[in-house]
Amino acid sequence: MSGISRTLMIAGAVLFLVGLCWPLIGRLPGDIMFKKGNTTFFFPIVTCIIISLVLSLIMYVINHFFHRM
């Protein structure tokens, strides 16, 4: 199995596990939500920051792994 195939399979497995855990996590403290009448505005700022950090870490590890080959 080539390196890219294995990387894609691992990324898929990680996304699957995150998808399973997502309902358990729910909204994080710091996520912004406004309710006024029948209108609701929700912006998950803390969730976006955490996802950005995790994806940056994953990309760093993948980049480091492929440059060693």
C-alpha atoms as a PDB file:
ATOM      1  CA  MET A   1       0.000   0.000   0.000  1.00  0.00           C
ATOM      2  CA  SER A   2       1.456   3.364  -1.003  1.00  0.00           C
ATOM      3  CA  GLY A   3       1.976   6.239   1.405  1.00  0.00           C
ATOM      4  CA  ILE A   4      -0.831   8.392   0.033  1.00  0.00           C
ATOM      5  CA  SER A   5      -3.355   5.548   0.239  1.00  0.00           C
ATOM      6  CA  ARG A   6      -2.492   4.908   3.849  1.00  0.00           C
ATOM      7  CA  THR A   7      -2.649   8.631   4.651  1.00  0.00           C
ATOM      8  CA  LEU A   8      -6.096   8.959   3.071  1.00  0.00           C
ATOM      9  CA  MET A   9      -7.356   5.916   4.971  1.00  0.00           C
ATOM     10  CA  ILE A  10      -6.082   7.297   8.274  1.00  0.00           C
ATOM     11  CA  ALA A  11      -7.594  10.721   7.539  1.00  0.00           C
ATOM     12  CA  GLY A  12     -10.926   9.059   6.728  1.00  0.00           C
ATOM     13  CA  ALA A  13     -10.845   7.053   9.950  1.00  0.00           C
ATOM     14  CA  VAL A  14     -10.078  10.176  11.980  1.00  0.00           C
ATOM     15  CA  LEU A  15     -12.930  12.084  10.326  1.00  0.00           C
ATOM     16  CA  PHE A  16     -15.260   9.147  11.000  1.00  0.00           C
ATOM     17  CA  LEU A  17     -14.331   9.107  14.693  1.00  0.00           C
ATOM     18  CA  VAL A  18     -14.745  12.873  14.981  1.00  0.00           C
ATOM     19  CA  GLY A  19     -18.169  12.565  13.344  1.00  0.00           C
ATOM     20  CA  LEU A  20     -19.181   9.932  15.881  1.00  0.00           C
ATOM     21  CA  CYS A  21     -18.024  12.060  18.819  1.00  0.00           C
ATOM     22  CA  TRP A  22     -19.459  15.356  17.538  1.00  0.00           C
ATOM     23  CA  PRO A  23     -22.936  15.001  19.133  1.00  0.00           C
ATOM     24  CA  LEU A  24     -21.283  14.247  22.469  1.00  0.00           C
ATOM     25  CA  ILE A  25     -19.160  17.387  22.312  1.00  0.00           C
ATOM     26  CA  GLY A  26     -21.995  19.785  21.504  1.00  0.00           C
ATOM     27  CA  ARG A  27     -21.395  23.495  21.728  1.00  0.00           C
ATOM     28  CA  LEU A  28     -18.212  24.654  23.375  1.00  0.00           C
ATOM     29  CA  PRO A  29     -17.977  27.545  25.819  1.00  0.00           C
ATOM     30  CA  GLY A  30     -17.130  30.663  23.838  1.00  0.00           C
ATOM     31  CA  ASP A  31     -19.324  29.828  20.852  1.00  0.00           C
ATOM     32  CA  ILE A  32     -21.536  32.805  20.049  1.00  0.00           C
ATOM     33  CA  MET A  33     -25.328  32.459  19.868  1.00  0.00           C
ATOM     34  CA  PHE A  34     -27.917  35.225  19.615  1.00  0.00           C
ATOM     35  CA  LYS A  35     -31.671  34.626  19.804  1.00  0.00           C
ATOM     36  CA  LYS A  36     -34.149  37.351  19.009  1.00  0.00           C
ATOM     37  CA  GLY A  37     -37.724  36.429  18.205  1.00  0.00           C
ATOM     38  CA  ASN A  38     -37.750  33.558  15.711  1.00  0.00           C
ATOM     39  CA  THR A  39     -34.217  34.329  14.499  1.00  0.00           C
ATOM     40  CA  THR A  40     -31.190  32.512  15.823  1.00  0.00           C
ATOM     41  CA  PHE A  41     -27.607  33.319  14.876  1.00  0.00           C
ATOM     42  CA  PHE A  42     -24.940  30.810  15.853  1.00  0.00           C
ATOM     43  CA  PHE A  43     -21.216  31.251  15.203  1.00  0.00           C
ATOM     44  CA  PRO A  44     -18.977  28.518  16.656  1.00  0.00           C
ATOM     45  CA  ILE A  45     -15.799  30.599  17.027  1.00  0.00           C
ATOM     46  CA  VAL A  46     -14.112  28.333  19.608  1.00  0.00           C
ATOM     47  CA  THR A  47     -15.004  25.233  17.600  1.00  0.00           C
ATOM     48  CA  CYS A  48     -13.492  26.842  14.485  1.00  0.00           C
ATOM     49  CA  ILE A  49     -10.283  27.659  16.352  1.00  0.00           C
ATOM     50  CA  ILE A  50      -9.963  24.102  17.694  1.00  0.00           C
ATOM     51  CA  ILE A  51     -10.633  22.569  14.259  1.00  0.00           C
ATOM     52  CA  SER A  52      -8.032  24.917  12.750  1.00  0.00           C
ATOM     53  CA  LEU A  53      -5.437  23.908  15.334  1.00  0.00           C
ATOM     54  CA  VAL A  54      -6.107  20.192  14.845  1.00  0.00           C
ATOM     55  CA  LEU A  55      -5.937  20.454  11.049  1.00  0.00           C
ATOM     56  CA  SER A  56      -2.717  22.492  11.272  1.00  0.00           C
ATOM     57  CA  LEU A  57      -1.178  19.824  13.493  1.00  0.00           C
ATOM     58  CA  ILE A  58      -2.249  17.056  11.109  1.00  0.00           C
ATOM     59  CA  MET A  59      -0.798  18.938   8.116  1.00  0.00           C
ATOM     60  CA  TYR A  60       2.443  19.551   9.999  1.00  0.00           C
ATOM     61  CA  VAL A  61       2.797  15.845  10.823  1.00  0.00           C
ATOM     62  CA  ILE A  62       1.993  14.794   7.236  1.00  0.00           C
ATOM     63  CA  ASN A  63       4.429  17.368   5.831  1.00  0.00           C
ATOM     64  CA  HIS A  64       7.150  16.272   8.258  1.00  0.00           C
ATOM     65  CA  PHE A  65       6.551  12.588   7.418  1.00  0.00           C
ATOM     66  CA  PHE A  66       6.721  13.053   3.629  1.00  0.00           C
ATOM     67  CA  HIS A  67       9.825  15.259   3.695  1.00  0.00           C
ATOM     68  CA  ARG A  68      11.759  12.569   5.562  1.00  0.00           C
ATOM     69  CA  MET A  69      11.246  10.044   2.740  1.00  0.00           C
END
